Protein backbone atom coordinates (compact mmCIF):
# COMPACT_ATOMS: atom_id res chain seq x y z
CA MET A 1 0.08 -0.09 -0.08
CA GLN A 2 1.28 3.56 -0.74
CA LYS A 3 2.21 5.92 1.81
CA HIS A 4 -0.75 8.38 1.26
CA TYR A 5 -3.13 5.89 1.84
CA LEU A 6 -1.79 5.07 5.25
CA THR A 7 -2.00 8.69 6.14
CA LEU A 8 -5.50 8.83 5.09
CA LYS A 9 -6.56 5.64 7.21
CA LYS A 10 -4.86 7.21 10.18
CA ASN A 11 -7.22 10.30 9.74
CA LYS A 12 -10.13 7.67 9.83
CA ALA A 13 -10.99 8.64 6.13
CA MET A 14 -13.11 5.96 4.42
CA GLU A 15 -12.35 4.70 0.94
CA CYS A 16 -13.95 2.01 -1.49
CA TYR A 17 -13.10 0.85 -5.07
CA TYR A 18 -15.59 0.28 -7.81
CA LYS A 19 -14.74 -1.40 -11.22
CA SER A 20 -15.57 1.03 -14.10
CA PRO A 21 -15.29 0.72 -17.87
CA ILE A 22 -12.10 2.83 -17.62
CA GLY A 23 -10.23 1.17 -14.61
CA ILE A 24 -10.63 0.87 -10.78
CA VAL A 25 -12.41 4.02 -9.18
CA HIS A 26 -10.85 4.79 -5.84
CA ILE A 27 -13.18 6.95 -3.73
CA ILE A 28 -12.38 8.54 -0.60
CA ALA A 29 -14.62 10.15 1.99
CA ASP A 30 -13.66 12.34 4.79
CA ASN A 31 -14.65 12.22 8.52
CA GLU A 32 -17.54 14.15 7.83
CA ASP A 33 -18.52 11.48 5.17
CA ARG A 34 -18.05 14.04 2.26
CA ILE A 35 -16.30 12.79 -1.10
CA SER A 36 -12.82 14.34 -1.13
CA ARG A 37 -11.22 12.21 -3.79
CA ILE A 38 -12.17 10.22 -6.95
CA ALA A 39 -9.48 9.06 -9.17
CA VAL A 40 -9.22 6.06 -11.63
CA LEU A 41 -6.54 3.65 -11.08
CA ASP A 42 -4.43 1.43 -13.58
CA ASP A 43 -4.06 -1.16 -10.70
CA GLU A 44 -5.98 -4.38 -10.68
CA LEU A 45 -7.63 -4.05 -7.44
CA ASP A 46 -10.65 -5.93 -5.91
CA GLU A 47 -13.88 -3.89 -5.74
CA THR A 48 -14.86 -3.04 -1.90
CA ALA A 49 -18.09 -2.34 -0.59
CA PRO A 50 -18.96 1.26 0.36
CA ALA A 51 -19.09 1.56 4.05
CA THR A 52 -20.65 5.17 4.34
CA PRO A 53 -23.79 6.69 2.96
CA ALA A 54 -21.72 9.21 0.76
CA LEU A 55 -19.44 6.39 -0.77
CA GLN A 56 -22.76 4.22 -1.45
CA MET A 57 -24.04 7.39 -3.18
CA ALA A 58 -20.85 8.08 -5.08
CA VAL A 59 -20.51 4.39 -6.39
CA GLU A 60 -24.38 4.38 -7.43
CA GLN A 61 -24.13 7.67 -9.21
CA LEU A 62 -20.79 6.71 -10.84
CA LYS A 63 -22.58 3.35 -12.19
CA GLU A 64 -25.45 5.46 -13.41
CA TYR A 65 -23.12 7.86 -15.26
CA PHE A 66 -21.41 4.93 -16.70
CA ALA A 67 -24.54 3.32 -17.94
CA GLY A 68 -25.54 6.47 -19.36
CA LYS A 69 -28.37 7.36 -17.07
CA ARG A 70 -26.75 10.23 -15.21
CA VAL A 71 -25.57 13.58 -16.37
CA ASN A 72 -25.22 15.73 -13.18
CA PHE A 73 -23.89 14.37 -9.79
CA ASP A 74 -25.69 15.07 -6.55
CA LEU A 75 -22.89 14.46 -3.68
CA PRO A 76 -21.56 15.83 -0.63
CA LEU A 77 -18.14 17.00 -1.89
CA GLN A 78 -15.20 18.49 -0.09
CA GLN A 79 -12.12 19.17 -1.98
CA PRO A 80 -9.63 21.18 -0.12
CA GLY A 81 -7.97 24.02 -2.25
CA SER A 82 -7.40 27.70 -2.40
CA ALA A 83 -10.32 30.27 -2.87
CA PHE A 84 -9.08 30.49 -6.55
CA GLN A 85 -8.99 26.45 -7.17
CA GLN A 86 -12.51 26.51 -5.76
CA ARG A 87 -13.54 29.06 -8.37
CA VAL A 88 -11.98 27.03 -11.05
CA TRP A 89 -13.59 23.80 -9.91
CA GLN A 90 -17.00 25.45 -9.42
CA GLN A 91 -16.77 26.83 -13.16
CA LEU A 92 -15.92 23.17 -14.30
CA MET A 93 -19.22 22.10 -12.90
CA ALA A 94 -20.89 24.52 -15.09
CA ILE A 95 -19.74 22.98 -18.41
CA LYS A 96 -22.72 21.24 -20.00
CA TYR A 97 -22.69 17.34 -20.29
CA GLY A 98 -21.60 16.50 -23.88
CA THR A 99 -19.78 19.50 -24.41
CA THR A 100 -15.99 20.69 -24.38
CA ILE A 101 -14.56 24.09 -23.83
CA THR A 102 -10.90 25.17 -24.35
CA TYR A 103 -8.65 26.46 -21.35
CA THR A 104 -8.80 29.95 -23.19
CA GLN A 105 -12.65 29.59 -23.26
CA GLN A 106 -12.87 28.81 -19.43
CA SER A 107 -10.52 31.54 -18.42
CA LYS A 108 -12.92 34.23 -20.50
CA LEU A 109 -15.84 32.42 -18.53
CA MET A 110 -14.29 33.26 -15.60
CA ASN A 111 -13.60 36.88 -16.44
CA ASP A 112 -9.89 36.45 -16.15
CA PRO A 113 -8.45 35.87 -19.60
CA LEU A 114 -5.04 36.33 -18.58
CA ALA A 115 -4.94 33.48 -16.04
CA VAL A 116 -5.25 30.70 -18.77
CA ARG A 117 -2.17 28.97 -17.26
CA ALA A 118 -3.22 29.25 -13.71
CA ILE A 119 -6.74 27.98 -14.37
CA ALA A 120 -5.14 24.87 -16.36
CA ALA A 121 -3.05 24.31 -13.23
CA ALA A 122 -5.91 24.38 -10.97
CA ASN A 123 -7.70 21.76 -13.40
CA GLY A 124 -4.71 19.79 -12.92
CA LYS A 125 -5.17 19.82 -9.07
CA ASN A 126 -8.86 18.58 -9.48
CA ASN A 127 -9.28 15.55 -6.90
CA LEU A 128 -12.58 14.78 -8.08
CA TRP A 129 -12.63 13.05 -11.40
CA ILE A 130 -15.56 12.85 -13.52
CA VAL A 131 -17.77 14.51 -10.85
CA VAL A 132 -15.92 17.79 -11.34
CA PRO A 133 -15.44 17.52 -14.96
CA CYS A 134 -11.98 18.58 -15.98
CA HIS A 135 -11.95 16.23 -18.68
CA ARG A 136 -14.23 18.51 -20.62
CA VAL A 137 -11.64 20.90 -21.06
CA ILE A 138 -9.33 20.77 -23.97
CA GLY A 139 -6.42 22.63 -25.80
CA SER A 140 -7.36 25.60 -28.19
CA ASP A 141 -6.31 23.34 -31.29
CA GLY A 142 -8.95 20.68 -30.04
CA SER A 143 -6.15 18.45 -28.54
CA LEU A 144 -7.01 16.46 -25.54
CA THR A 145 -4.05 17.80 -23.30
CA GLY A 146 -3.89 17.81 -19.40
CA TYR A 147 -5.63 14.87 -17.86
CA ALA A 148 -4.02 12.94 -15.00
CA GLY A 149 -5.86 9.93 -15.86
CA GLY A 150 -4.33 9.59 -19.22
CA VAL A 151 -5.61 11.09 -22.73
CA TRP A 152 -7.34 7.78 -23.41
CA ARG A 153 -9.61 7.94 -20.42
CA LYS A 154 -10.26 11.77 -21.22
CA ARG A 155 -11.08 10.50 -24.75
CA TRP A 156 -13.46 7.76 -23.35
CA LEU A 157 -15.25 10.19 -21.24
CA ILE A 158 -15.85 12.77 -23.84
CA ASP A 159 -16.88 10.44 -26.32
CA HIS A 160 -19.28 8.37 -23.68
CA GLU A 161 -20.92 11.82 -22.71
CA ALA A 162 -21.50 12.91 -26.38
CA LYS A 163 -23.07 9.68 -27.36
CA VAL A 164 -25.19 9.81 -24.41
CA ALA A 165 -26.13 13.40 -25.06
CA GLY A 166 -26.87 12.38 -28.72
CA VAL A 167 -24.34 14.99 -30.15
CA GLY A 168 -22.17 12.43 -31.95
CA GLN A 169 -18.90 13.87 -31.18
CA ALA A 170 -18.46 16.41 -28.35
CA THR A 171 -18.95 19.81 -29.34
CA LEU A 172 -16.99 23.06 -28.09
CA PHE A 173 -19.18 25.18 -25.74
């Protein structure tokens, strides 16, 4: 087990693993049963039963998302970050399902057109993959840049949402 998992357990955070079409989803809840991390791993791990209500909701809602039955999430979330990062992550949640925007468009939507790099860096620090949809932000040239889970997962998520939304290919916002 990696060191950061041990630290989390020491703080009594709860976690579970769910097998999705794009890999094992690792979900962590904090001591107040709010989801604080969702990431997809390449590791081959066994699923574990969610032990708290928030973890149960997260697994259920992710199953619905991957089945094409959910386009928005309604989970108790707590992602530590600066005020600026919180603003960036809130804006990510406003990106319509089945669409993509560029980092430049995101900076303009945030009324901060000169902060493109800072916004991209904040997107990269998002620990709530899929639920806070940083995968919907692409490069100005249409390239799939900057996804910690790998470009193939970003492409899968964008294509999945476009198919469910009935737009064929994901369109720019």
